[in-house]
Amino acid sequence: MADSIETQIQATLDKIRPFLQRDGGDVQYLGFKDGIVYVKMGGACEGCAYMDSDISAGVEIILMEEVPGVIQVKTDEIPDDIMKAYEDRMIAAQEKKDAKK
């Protein structure tokens, strides 16, 4: 069930991302746990005065409407296990990419 939700979350973020990128921003999926989606805002979104209120609230509203089971989006206070799983995914993706060379 969680994999299906994570797939839906990532697909929804893929739809949102181009709108953020138009203004130099970005959103990166970190993980999902207990109804909470953890994301990192990047590019122009980092340090932007609107990131905490307008942008992250918009991302949260869209995810809550598009993905059943999402109750909140957090851009800070990332739990250690979410960060570890994200780092492991990034390492595995890089190793897979390197193996293809």
PDB file of N, CA and C in Angstrom:
ATOM      1  N   MET A   1       0.825  -1.201   0.000  1.00  0.00           N
ATOM      2  CA  MET A   1       0.000   0.000   0.000  1.00  0.00           C
ATOM      3  C   MET A   1       0.866   1.260   0.000  1.00  0.00           C
ATOM      4  N   ALA A   2       1.920   1.280   0.831  1.00  0.00           N
ATOM      5  CA  ALA A   2       2.774   2.467   0.908  1.00  0.00           C
ATOM      6  C   ALA A   2       3.455   2.736  -0.424  1.00  0.00           C
ATOM      7  N   ASP A   3       3.866   1.663  -1.145  1.00  0.00           N
ATOM      8  CA  ASP A   3       4.514   1.859  -2.438  1.00  0.00           C
ATOM      9  C   ASP A   3       3.574   2.550  -3.412  1.00  0.00           C
ATOM     10  N   SER A   4       2.310   2.154  -3.410  1.00  0.00           N
ATOM     11  CA  SER A   4       1.324   2.767  -4.287  1.00  0.00           C
ATOM     12  C   SER A   4       1.140   4.244  -3.946  1.00  0.00           C
ATOM     13  N   ILE A   5       1.071   4.555  -2.669  1.00  0.00           N
ATOM     14  CA  ILE A   5       0.939   5.945  -2.237  1.00  0.00           C
ATOM     15  C   ILE A   5       2.185   6.726  -2.631  1.00  0.00           C
ATOM     16  N   GLU A   6       3.356   6.137  -2.414  1.00  0.00           N
ATOM     17  CA  GLU A   6       4.597   6.830  -2.775  1.00  0.00           C
ATOM     18  C   GLU A   6       4.670   7.075  -4.278  1.00  0.00           C
ATOM     19  N   THR A   7       4.194   6.121  -5.070  1.00  0.00           N
ATOM     20  CA  THR A   7       4.167   6.300  -6.522  1.00  0.00           C
ATOM     21  C   THR A   7       3.241   7.453  -6.893  1.00  0.00           C
ATOM     22  N   GLN A   8       2.075   7.520  -6.247  1.00  0.00           N
ATOM     23  CA  GLN A   8       1.129   8.615  -6.496  1.00  0.00           C
ATOM     24  C   GLN A   8       1.713   9.964  -6.070  1.00  0.00           C
ATOM     25  N   ILE A   9       2.400   9.976  -4.938  1.00  0.00           N
ATOM     26  CA  ILE A   9       3.020  11.210  -4.452  1.00  0.00           C
ATOM     27  C   ILE A   9       4.059  11.699  -5.454  1.00  0.00           C
ATOM     28  N   GLN A  10       4.922  10.785  -5.898  1.00  0.00           N
ATOM     29  CA  GLN A  10       5.971  11.174  -6.836  1.00  0.00           C
ATOM     30  C   GLN A  10       5.381  11.645  -8.162  1.00  0.00           C
ATOM     31  N   ALA A  11       4.333  10.988  -8.632  1.00  0.00           N
ATOM     32  CA  ALA A  11       3.683  11.402  -9.883  1.00  0.00           C
ATOM     33  C   ALA A  11       3.061  12.792  -9.734  1.00  0.00           C
ATOM     34  N   THR A  12       2.469  13.057  -8.584  1.00  0.00           N
ATOM     35  CA  THR A  12       1.874  14.371  -8.342  1.00  0.00           C
ATOM     36  C   THR A  12       2.954  15.445  -8.255  1.00  0.00           C
ATOM     37  N   LEU A  13       4.046  15.143  -7.574  1.00  0.00           N
ATOM     38  CA  LEU A  13       5.153  16.104  -7.505  1.00  0.00           C
ATOM     39  C   LEU A  13       5.739  16.359  -8.892  1.00  0.00           C
ATOM     40  N   ASP A  14       5.752  15.329  -9.731  1.00  0.00           N
ATOM     41  CA  ASP A  14       6.236  15.502 -11.109  1.00  0.00           C
ATOM     42  C   ASP A  14       5.348  16.477 -11.886  1.00  0.00           C
ATOM     43  N   LYS A  15       4.049  16.511 -11.545  1.00  0.00           N
ATOM     44  CA  LYS A  15       3.137  17.460 -12.198  1.00  0.00           C
ATOM     45  C   LYS A  15       3.342  18.884 -11.670  1.00  0.00           C
ATOM     46  N   ILE A  16       3.671  19.004 -10.393  1.00  0.00           N
ATOM     47  CA  ILE A  16       3.860  20.308  -9.756  1.00  0.00           C
ATOM     48  C   ILE A  16       5.213  20.925 -10.134  1.00  0.00           C
ATOM     49  N   ARG A  17       6.221  20.081 -10.229  1.00  0.00           N
ATOM     50  CA  ARG A  17       7.610  20.525 -10.414  1.00  0.00           C
ATOM     51  C   ARG A  17       7.808  21.550 -11.542  1.00  0.00           C
ATOM     52  N   PRO A  18       7.243  21.354 -12.739  1.00  0.00           N
ATOM     53  CA  PRO A  18       7.485  22.334 -13.813  1.00  0.00           C
ATOM     54  C   PRO A  18       7.038  23.755 -13.458  1.00  0.00           C
ATOM     55  N   PHE A  19       5.987  23.875 -12.675  1.00  0.00           N
ATOM     56  CA  PHE A  19       5.509  25.198 -12.272  1.00  0.00           C
ATOM     57  C   PHE A  19       6.502  25.869 -11.322  1.00  0.00           C
ATOM     58  N   LEU A  20       7.086  25.087 -10.429  1.00  0.00           N
ATOM     59  CA  LEU A  20       8.108  25.627  -9.534  1.00  0.00           C
ATOM     60  C   LEU A  20       9.374  25.973 -10.312  1.00  0.00           C
ATOM     61  N   GLN A  21       9.730  25.104 -11.263  1.00  0.00           N
ATOM     62  CA  GLN A  21      10.954  25.308 -12.029  1.00  0.00           C
ATOM     63  C   GLN A  21      10.880  26.546 -12.920  1.00  0.00           C
ATOM     64  N   ARG A  22       9.698  26.934 -13.332  1.00  0.00           N
ATOM     65  CA  ARG A  22       9.551  28.154 -14.136  1.00  0.00           C
ATOM     66  C   ARG A  22      10.079  29.381 -13.407  1.00  0.00           C
ATOM     67  N   ASP A  23       9.989  29.348 -12.083  1.00  0.00           N
ATOM     68  CA  ASP A  23      10.487  30.464 -11.275  1.00  0.00           C
ATOM     69  C   ASP A  23      11.817  30.126 -10.607  1.00  0.00           C
ATOM     70  N   GLY A  24      12.478  29.075 -11.085  1.00  0.00           N
ATOM     71  CA  GLY A  24      13.793  28.713 -10.561  1.00  0.00           C
ATOM     72  C   GLY A  24      13.769  27.837  -9.331  1.00  0.00           C
ATOM     73  N   GLY A  25      12.587  27.360  -8.943  1.00  0.00           N
ATOM     74  CA  GLY A  25      12.473  26.516  -7.758  1.00  0.00           C
ATOM     75  C   GLY A  25      12.413  25.043  -8.113  1.00  0.00           C
ATOM     76  N   ASP A  26      12.308  24.220  -7.100  1.00  0.00           N
ATOM     77  CA  ASP A  26      12.188  22.779  -7.304  1.00  0.00           C
ATOM     78  C   ASP A  26      11.661  22.141  -6.023  1.00  0.00           C
ATOM     79  N   VAL A  27      11.192  20.924  -6.146  1.00  0.00           N
ATOM     80  CA  VAL A  27      10.739  20.153  -4.998  1.00  0.00           C
ATOM     81  C   VAL A  27      11.289  18.741  -5.154  1.00  0.00           C
ATOM     82  N   GLN A  28      11.809  18.204  -4.063  1.00  0.00           N
ATOM     83  CA  GLN A  28      12.400  16.871  -4.085  1.00  0.00           C
ATOM     84  C   GLN A  28      11.714  16.012  -3.028  1.00  0.00           C
ATOM     85  N   TYR A  29      11.247  14.847  -3.452  1.00  0.00           N
ATOM     86  CA  TYR A  29      10.570  13.913  -2.549  1.00  0.00           C
ATOM     87  C   TYR A  29      11.600  13.218  -1.670  1.00  0.00           C
ATOM     88  N   LEU A  30      11.386  13.250  -0.358  1.00  0.00           N
ATOM     89  CA  LEU A  30      12.283  12.575   0.575  1.00  0.00           C
ATOM     90  C   LEU A  30      11.678  11.293   1.125  1.00  0.00           C
ATOM     91  N   GLY A  31      10.374  11.320   1.432  1.00  0.00           N
ATOM     92  CA  GLY A  31       9.755  10.121   1.976  1.00  0.00           C
ATOM     93  C   GLY A  31       8.335  10.377   2.451  1.00  0.00           C
ATOM     94  N   PHE A  32       7.695   9.285   2.890  1.00  0.00           N
ATOM     95  CA  PHE A  32       6.310   9.322   3.349  1.00  0.00           C
ATOM     96  C   PHE A  32       6.192   8.433   4.570  1.00  0.00           C
ATOM     97  N   LYS A  33       5.586   8.966   5.627  1.00  0.00           N
ATOM     98  CA  LYS A  33       5.429   8.187   6.856  1.00  0.00           C
ATOM     99  C   LYS A  33       4.237   8.729   7.639  1.00  0.00           C
ATOM    100  N   ASP A  34       3.355   7.830   8.048  1.00  0.00           N
ATOM    101  CA  ASP A  34       2.209   8.186   8.898  1.00  0.00           C
ATOM    102  C   ASP A  34       1.375   9.332   8.323  1.00  0.00           C
ATOM    103  N   GLY A  35       1.180   9.310   6.993  1.00  0.00           N
ATOM    104  CA  GLY A  35       0.353  10.320   6.353  1.00  0.00           C
ATOM    105  C   GLY A  35       1.071  11.624   6.030  1.00  0.00           C
ATOM    106  N   ILE A  36       2.331  11.710   6.405  1.00  0.00           N
ATOM    107  CA  ILE A  36       3.095  12.943   6.189  1.00  0.00           C
ATOM    108  C   ILE A  36       4.081  12.746   5.045  1.00  0.00           C
ATOM    109  N   VAL A  37       4.048  13.672   4.087  1.00  0.00           N
ATOM    110  CA  VAL A  37       4.996  13.676   2.972  1.00  0.00           C
ATOM    111  C   VAL A  37       6.127  14.621   3.348  1.00  0.00           C
ATOM    112  N   TYR A  38       7.348  14.141   3.226  1.00  0.00           N
ATOM    113  CA  TYR A  38       8.525  14.954   3.512  1.00  0.00           C
ATOM    114  C   TYR A  38       9.175  15.347   2.196  1.00  0.00           C
ATOM    115  N   VAL A  39       9.345  16.648   1.998  1.00  0.00           N
ATOM    116  CA  VAL A  39       9.953  17.155   0.772  1.00  0.00           C
ATOM    117  C   VAL A  39      11.026  18.178   1.123  1.00  0.00           C
ATOM    118  N   LYS A  40      11.909  18.374   0.152  1.00  0.00           N
ATOM    119  CA  LYS A  40      12.925  19.424   0.262  1.00  0.00           C
ATOM    120  C   LYS A  40      12.674  20.386  -0.883  1.00  0.00           C
ATOM    121  N   MET A  41      12.522  21.643  -0.539  1.00  0.00           N
ATOM    122  CA  MET A  41      12.357  22.674  -1.551  1.00  0.00           C
ATOM    123  C   MET A  41      13.748  23.145  -1.938  1.00  0.00           C
ATOM    124  N   GLY A  42      13.986  23.267  -3.241  1.00  0.00           N
ATOM    125  CA  GLY A  42      15.313  23.642  -3.700  1.00  0.00           C
ATOM    126  C   GLY A  42      15.280  24.793  -4.676  1.00  0.00           C
ATOM    127  N   GLY A  43      16.454  25.102  -5.203  1.00  0.00           N
ATOM    128  CA  GLY A  43      16.570  26.194  -6.160  1.00  0.00           C
ATOM    129  C   GLY A  43      16.163  27.505  -5.523  1.00  0.00           C
ATOM    130  N   ALA A  44      15.403  28.297  -6.254  1.00  0.00           N
ATOM    131  CA  ALA A  44      14.964  29.604  -5.759  1.00  0.00           C
ATOM    132  C   ALA A  44      14.023  29.474  -4.564  1.00  0.00           C
ATOM    133  N   CYS A  45      13.453  28.286  -4.353  1.00  0.00           N
ATOM    134  CA  CYS A  45      12.546  28.083  -3.213  1.00  0.00           C
ATOM    135  C   CYS A  45      13.305  28.078  -1.884  1.00  0.00           C
ATOM    136  N   GLU A  46      14.596  27.705  -1.919  1.00  0.00           N
ATOM    137  CA  GLU A  46      15.390  27.685  -0.696  1.00  0.00           C
ATOM    138  C   GLU A  46      15.567  29.106  -0.189  1.00  0.00           C
ATOM    139  N   GLY A  47      15.145  29.348   1.018  1.00  0.00           N
ATOM    140  CA  GLY A  47      15.299  30.659   1.611  1.00  0.00           C
ATOM    141  C   GLY A  47      14.292  31.693   1.136  1.00  0.00           C
ATOM    142  N   CYS A  48      13.398  31.304   0.250  1.00  0.00           N
ATOM    143  CA  CYS A  48      12.390  32.235  -0.269  1.00  0.00           C
ATOM    144  C   CYS A  48      11.377  32.546   0.833  1.00  0.00           C
ATOM    145  N   ALA A  49      11.002  33.802   0.941  1.00  0.00           N
ATOM    146  CA  ALA A  49      10.046  34.216   1.971  1.00  0.00           C
ATOM    147  C   ALA A  49       8.687  33.541   1.796  1.00  0.00           C
ATOM    148  N   TYR A  50       8.349  33.179   0.567  1.00  0.00           N
ATOM    149  CA  TYR A  50       7.048  32.558   0.294  1.00  0.00           C
ATOM    150  C   TYR A  50       7.056  31.044   0.459  1.00  0.00           C
ATOM    151  N   MET A  51       8.243  30.457   0.589  1.00  0.00           N
ATOM    152  CA  MET A  51       8.342  28.995   0.623  1.00  0.00           C
ATOM    153  C   MET A  51       7.536  28.401   1.772  1.00  0.00           C
ATOM    154  N   ASP A  52       7.719  28.916   2.971  1.00  0.00           N
ATOM    155  CA  ASP A  52       7.053  28.318   4.125  1.00  0.00           C
ATOM    156  C   ASP A  52       5.541  28.468   4.082  1.00  0.00           C
ATOM    157  N   SER A  53       5.062  29.576   3.564  1.00  0.00           N
ATOM    158  CA  SER A  53       3.617  29.784   3.589  1.00  0.00           C
ATOM    159  C   SER A  53       2.962  29.417   2.271  1.00  0.00           C
ATOM    160  N   ASP A  54       3.172  30.210   1.262  1.00  0.00           N
ATOM    161  CA  ASP A  54       2.440  30.048   0.006  1.00  0.00           C
ATOM    162  C   ASP A  54       2.812  28.789  -0.765  1.00  0.00           C
ATOM    163  N   ILE A  55       4.090  28.598  -1.019  1.00  0.00           N
ATOM    164  CA  ILE A  55       4.508  27.497  -1.885  1.00  0.00           C
ATOM    165  C   ILE A  55       4.278  26.148  -1.218  1.00  0.00           C
ATOM    166  N   SER A  56       4.778  25.974   0.010  1.00  0.00           N
ATOM    167  CA  SER A  56       4.601  24.669   0.656  1.00  0.00           C
ATOM    168  C   SER A  56       3.129  24.389   0.940  1.00  0.00           C
ATOM    169  N   ALA A  57       2.348  25.424   1.232  1.00  0.00           N
ATOM    170  CA  ALA A  57       0.907  25.228   1.442  1.00  0.00           C
ATOM    171  C   ALA A  57       0.245  24.779   0.145  1.00  0.00           C
ATOM    172  N   GLY A  58       0.660  25.354  -0.977  1.00  0.00           N
ATOM    173  CA  GLY A  58       0.116  24.945  -2.274  1.00  0.00           C
ATOM    174  C   GLY A  58       0.459  23.509  -2.599  1.00  0.00           C
ATOM    175  N   VAL A  59       1.710  23.130  -2.345  1.00  0.00           N
ATOM    176  CA  VAL A  59       2.140  21.744  -2.577  1.00  0.00           C
ATOM    177  C   VAL A  59       1.325  20.815  -1.687  1.00  0.00           C
ATOM    178  N   GLU A  60       1.138  21.206  -0.430  1.00  0.00           N
ATOM    179  CA  GLU A  60       0.371  20.386   0.510  1.00  0.00           C
ATOM    180  C   GLU A  60      -1.076  20.212   0.043  1.00  0.00           C
ATOM    181  N   ILE A  61      -1.710  21.290  -0.362  1.00  0.00           N
ATOM    182  CA  ILE A  61      -3.107  21.221  -0.812  1.00  0.00           C
ATOM    183  C   ILE A  61      -3.240  20.288  -2.013  1.00  0.00           C
ATOM    184  N   ILE A  62      -2.349  20.443  -2.978  1.00  0.00           N
ATOM    185  CA  ILE A  62      -2.411  19.599  -4.180  1.00  0.00           C
ATOM    186  C   ILE A  62      -2.203  18.134  -3.817  1.00  0.00           C
ATOM    187  N   LEU A  63      -1.204  17.842  -2.987  1.00  0.00           N
ATOM    188  CA  LEU A  63      -0.956  16.447  -2.605  1.00  0.00           C
ATOM    189  C   LEU A  63      -2.134  15.864  -1.827  1.00  0.00           C
ATOM    190  N   MET A  64      -2.719  16.642  -0.929  1.00  0.00           N
ATOM    191  CA  MET A  64      -3.848  16.141  -0.145  1.00  0.00           C
ATOM    192  C   MET A  64      -5.064  15.877  -1.033  1.00  0.00           C
ATOM    193  N   GLU A  65      -5.238  16.687  -2.077  1.00  0.00           N
ATOM    194  CA  GLU A  65      -6.362  16.478  -2.991  1.00  0.00           C
ATOM    195  C   GLU A  65      -6.121  15.309  -3.939  1.00  0.00           C
ATOM    196  N   GLU A  66      -4.890  15.128  -4.365  1.00  0.00           N
ATOM    197  CA  GLU A  66      -4.566  14.127  -5.385  1.00  0.00           C
ATOM    198  C   GLU A  66      -4.276  12.735  -4.827  1.00  0.00           C
ATOM    199  N   VAL A  67      -3.780  12.672  -3.589  1.00  0.00           N
ATOM    200  CA  VAL A  67      -3.315  11.388  -3.056  1.00  0.00           C
ATOM    201  C   VAL A  67      -4.035  11.069  -1.746  1.00  0.00           C
ATOM    202  N   PRO A  68      -4.953  10.102  -1.783  1.00  0.00           N
ATOM    203  CA  PRO A  68      -5.619   9.691  -0.545  1.00  0.00           C
ATOM    204  C   PRO A  68      -4.586   9.173   0.458  1.00  0.00           C
ATOM    205  N   GLY A  69      -4.728   9.591   1.695  1.00  0.00           N
ATOM    206  CA  GLY A  69      -3.796   9.147   2.728  1.00  0.00           C
ATOM    207  C   GLY A  69      -2.784  10.206   3.124  1.00  0.00           C
ATOM    208  N   VAL A  70      -2.632  11.238   2.301  1.00  0.00           N
ATOM    209  CA  VAL A  70      -1.728  12.335   2.651  1.00  0.00           C
ATOM    210  C   VAL A  70      -2.493  13.311   3.537  1.00  0.00           C
ATOM    211  N   ILE A  71      -1.936  13.575   4.725  1.00  0.00           N
ATOM    212  CA  ILE A  71      -2.595  14.492   5.651  1.00  0.00           C
ATOM    213  C   ILE A  71      -1.783  15.760   5.908  1.00  0.00           C
ATOM    214  N   GLN A  72      -0.501  15.725   5.527  1.00  0.00           N
ATOM    215  CA  GLN A  72       0.349  16.883   5.784  1.00  0.00           C
ATOM    216  C   GLN A  72       1.604  16.792   4.923  1.00  0.00           C
ATOM    217  N   VAL A  73       2.214  17.955   4.652  1.00  0.00           N
ATOM    218  CA  VAL A  73       3.502  18.016   3.965  1.00  0.00           C
ATOM    219  C   VAL A  73       4.448  18.800   4.858  1.00  0.00           C
ATOM    220  N   LYS A  74       5.640  18.263   5.072  1.00  0.00           N
ATOM    221  CA  LYS A  74       6.639  18.951   5.889  1.00  0.00           C
ATOM    222  C   LYS A  74       7.891  19.192   5.067  1.00  0.00           C
ATOM    223  N   THR A  75       8.453  20.376   5.258  1.00  0.00           N
ATOM    224  CA  THR A  75       9.696  20.723   4.575  1.00  0.00           C
ATOM    225  C   THR A  75      10.849  20.855   5.563  1.00  0.00           C
ATOM    226  N   ASP A  76      10.553  20.687   6.835  1.00  0.00           N
ATOM    227  CA  ASP A  76      11.596  20.729   7.859  1.00  0.00           C
ATOM    228  C   ASP A  76      11.307  19.616   8.863  1.00  0.00           C
ATOM    229  N   GLU A  77      12.132  19.497   9.858  1.00  0.00           N
ATOM    230  CA  GLU A  77      11.950  18.442  10.859  1.00  0.00           C
ATOM    231  C   GLU A  77      11.830  17.068  10.206  1.00  0.00           C
ATOM    232  N   ILE A  78      12.797  16.757   9.336  1.00  0.00           N
ATOM    233  CA  ILE A  78      12.786  15.471   8.636  1.00  0.00           C
ATOM    234  C   ILE A  78      13.321  14.397   9.583  1.00  0.00           C
ATOM    235  N   PRO A  79      12.535  13.345   9.864  1.00  0.00           N
ATOM    236  CA  PRO A  79      13.006  12.275  10.752  1.00  0.00           C
ATOM    237  C   PRO A  79      14.242  11.575  10.178  1.00  0.00           C
ATOM    238  N   ASP A  80      15.088  11.102  11.067  1.00  0.00           N
ATOM    239  CA  ASP A  80      16.328  10.440  10.656  1.00  0.00           C
ATOM    240  C   ASP A  80      16.076   9.250   9.737  1.00  0.00           C
ATOM    241  N   ASP A  81      15.030   8.456  10.023  1.00  0.00           N
ATOM    242  CA  ASP A  81      14.780   7.277   9.190  1.00  0.00           C
ATOM    243  C   ASP A  81      14.359   7.664   7.773  1.00  0.00           C
ATOM    244  N   ILE A  82      13.654   8.775   7.618  1.00  0.00           N
ATOM    245  CA  ILE A  82      13.270   9.254   6.284  1.00  0.00           C
ATOM    246  C   ILE A  82      14.518   9.704   5.528  1.00  0.00           C
ATOM    247  N   MET A  83      15.399  10.450   6.202  1.00  0.00           N
ATOM    248  CA  MET A  83      16.633  10.910   5.549  1.00  0.00           C
ATOM    249  C   MET A  83      17.525   9.729   5.174  1.00  0.00           C
ATOM    250  N   LYS A  84      17.615   8.739   6.045  1.00  0.00           N
ATOM    251  CA  LYS A  84      18.451   7.565   5.771  1.00  0.00           C
ATOM    252  C   LYS A  84      17.918   6.810   4.558  1.00  0.00           C
ATOM    253  N   ALA A  85      16.605   6.601   4.494  1.00  0.00           N
ATOM    254  CA  ALA A  85      16.004   5.896   3.358  1.00  0.00           C
ATOM    255  C   ALA A  85      16.223   6.681   2.067  1.00  0.00           C
ATOM    256  N   TYR A  86      16.100   8.000   2.137  1.00  0.00           N
ATOM    257  CA  TYR A  86      16.338   8.849   0.961  1.00  0.00           C
ATOM    258  C   TYR A  86      17.794   8.727   0.501  1.00  0.00           C
ATOM    259  N   GLU A  87      18.720   8.825   1.433  1.00  0.00           N
ATOM    260  CA  GLU A  87      20.141   8.707   1.091  1.00  0.00           C
ATOM    261  C   GLU A  87      20.442   7.340   0.487  1.00  0.00           C
ATOM    262  N   ASP A  88      19.854   6.287   1.038  1.00  0.00           N
ATOM    263  CA  ASP A  88      20.049   4.934   0.496  1.00  0.00           C
ATOM    264  C   ASP A  88      19.532   4.836  -0.936  1.00  0.00           C
ATOM    265  N   ARG A  89      18.367   5.449  -1.209  1.00  0.00           N
ATOM    266  CA  ARG A  89      17.826   5.444  -2.578  1.00  0.00           C
ATOM    267  C   ARG A  89      18.746   6.187  -3.539  1.00  0.00           C
ATOM    268  N   MET A  90      19.304   7.298  -3.093  1.00  0.00           N
ATOM    269  CA  MET A  90      20.196   8.084  -3.956  1.00  0.00           C
ATOM    270  C   MET A  90      21.489   7.319  -4.251  1.00  0.00           C
ATOM    271  N   ILE A  91      22.026   6.645  -3.244  1.00  0.00           N
ATOM    272  CA  ILE A  91      23.241   5.839  -3.435  1.00  0.00           C
ATOM    273  C   ILE A  91      22.960   4.697  -4.397  1.00  0.00           C
ATOM    274  N   ALA A  92      21.829   4.008  -4.214  1.00  0.00           N
ATOM    275  CA  ALA A  92      21.472   2.890  -5.098  1.00  0.00           C
ATOM    276  C   ALA A  92      21.286   3.370  -6.533  1.00  0.00           C
ATOM    277  N   ALA A  93      20.662   4.519  -6.710  1.00  0.00           N
ATOM    278  CA  ALA A  93      20.456   5.061  -8.058  1.00  0.00           C
ATOM    279  C   ALA A  93      21.788   5.409  -8.711  1.00  0.00           C
ATOM    280  N   GLN A  94      22.709   5.976  -7.932  1.00  0.00           N
ATOM    281  CA  GLN A  94      24.026   6.322  -8.476  1.00  0.00           C
ATOM    282  C   GLN A  94      24.811   5.064  -8.833  1.00  0.00           C
ATOM    283  N   GLU A  95      24.735   4.041  -7.986  1.00  0.00           N
ATOM    284  CA  GLU A  95      25.429   2.780  -8.270  1.00  0.00           C
ATOM    285  C   GLU A  95      24.871   2.130  -9.529  1.00  0.00           C
ATOM    286  N   LYS A  96      23.558   2.178  -9.697  1.00  0.00           N
ATOM    287  CA  LYS A  96      22.923   1.621 -10.893  1.00  0.00           C
ATOM    288  C   LYS A  96      23.378   2.386 -12.136  1.00  0.00           C
ATOM    289  N   LYS A  97      23.438   3.699 -12.018  1.00  0.00           N
ATOM    290  CA  LYS A  97      23.887   4.542 -13.129  1.00  0.00           C
ATOM    291  C   LYS A  97      25.349   4.245 -13.474  1.00  0.00           C
ATOM    292  N   ASP A  98      26.185   4.109 -12.458  1.00  0.00           N
ATOM    293  CA  ASP A  98      27.608   3.816 -12.671  1.00  0.00           C
ATOM    294  C   ASP A  98      27.813   2.442 -13.299  1.00  0.00           C
ATOM    295  N   ALA A  99      26.959   1.485 -12.933  1.00  0.00           N
ATOM    296  CA  ALA A  99      27.080   0.120 -13.463  1.00  0.00           C
ATOM    297  C   ALA A  99      26.763   0.065 -14.951  1.00  0.00           C
ATOM    298  N   LYS A 100      25.948   0.994 -15.430  1.00  0.00           N
ATOM    299  CA  LYS A 100      25.585   1.018 -16.849  1.00  0.00           C
ATOM    300  C   LYS A 100      26.699   1.580 -17.724  1.00  0.00           C
ATOM    301  N   LYS A 101      27.668   2.256 -17.123  1.00  0.00           N
ATOM    302  CA  LYS A 101      28.754   2.872 -17.900  1.00  0.00           C
ATOM    303  C   LYS A 101      29.723   1.859 -18.425  1.00  0.00           C
TER     304      LYS A 101
END
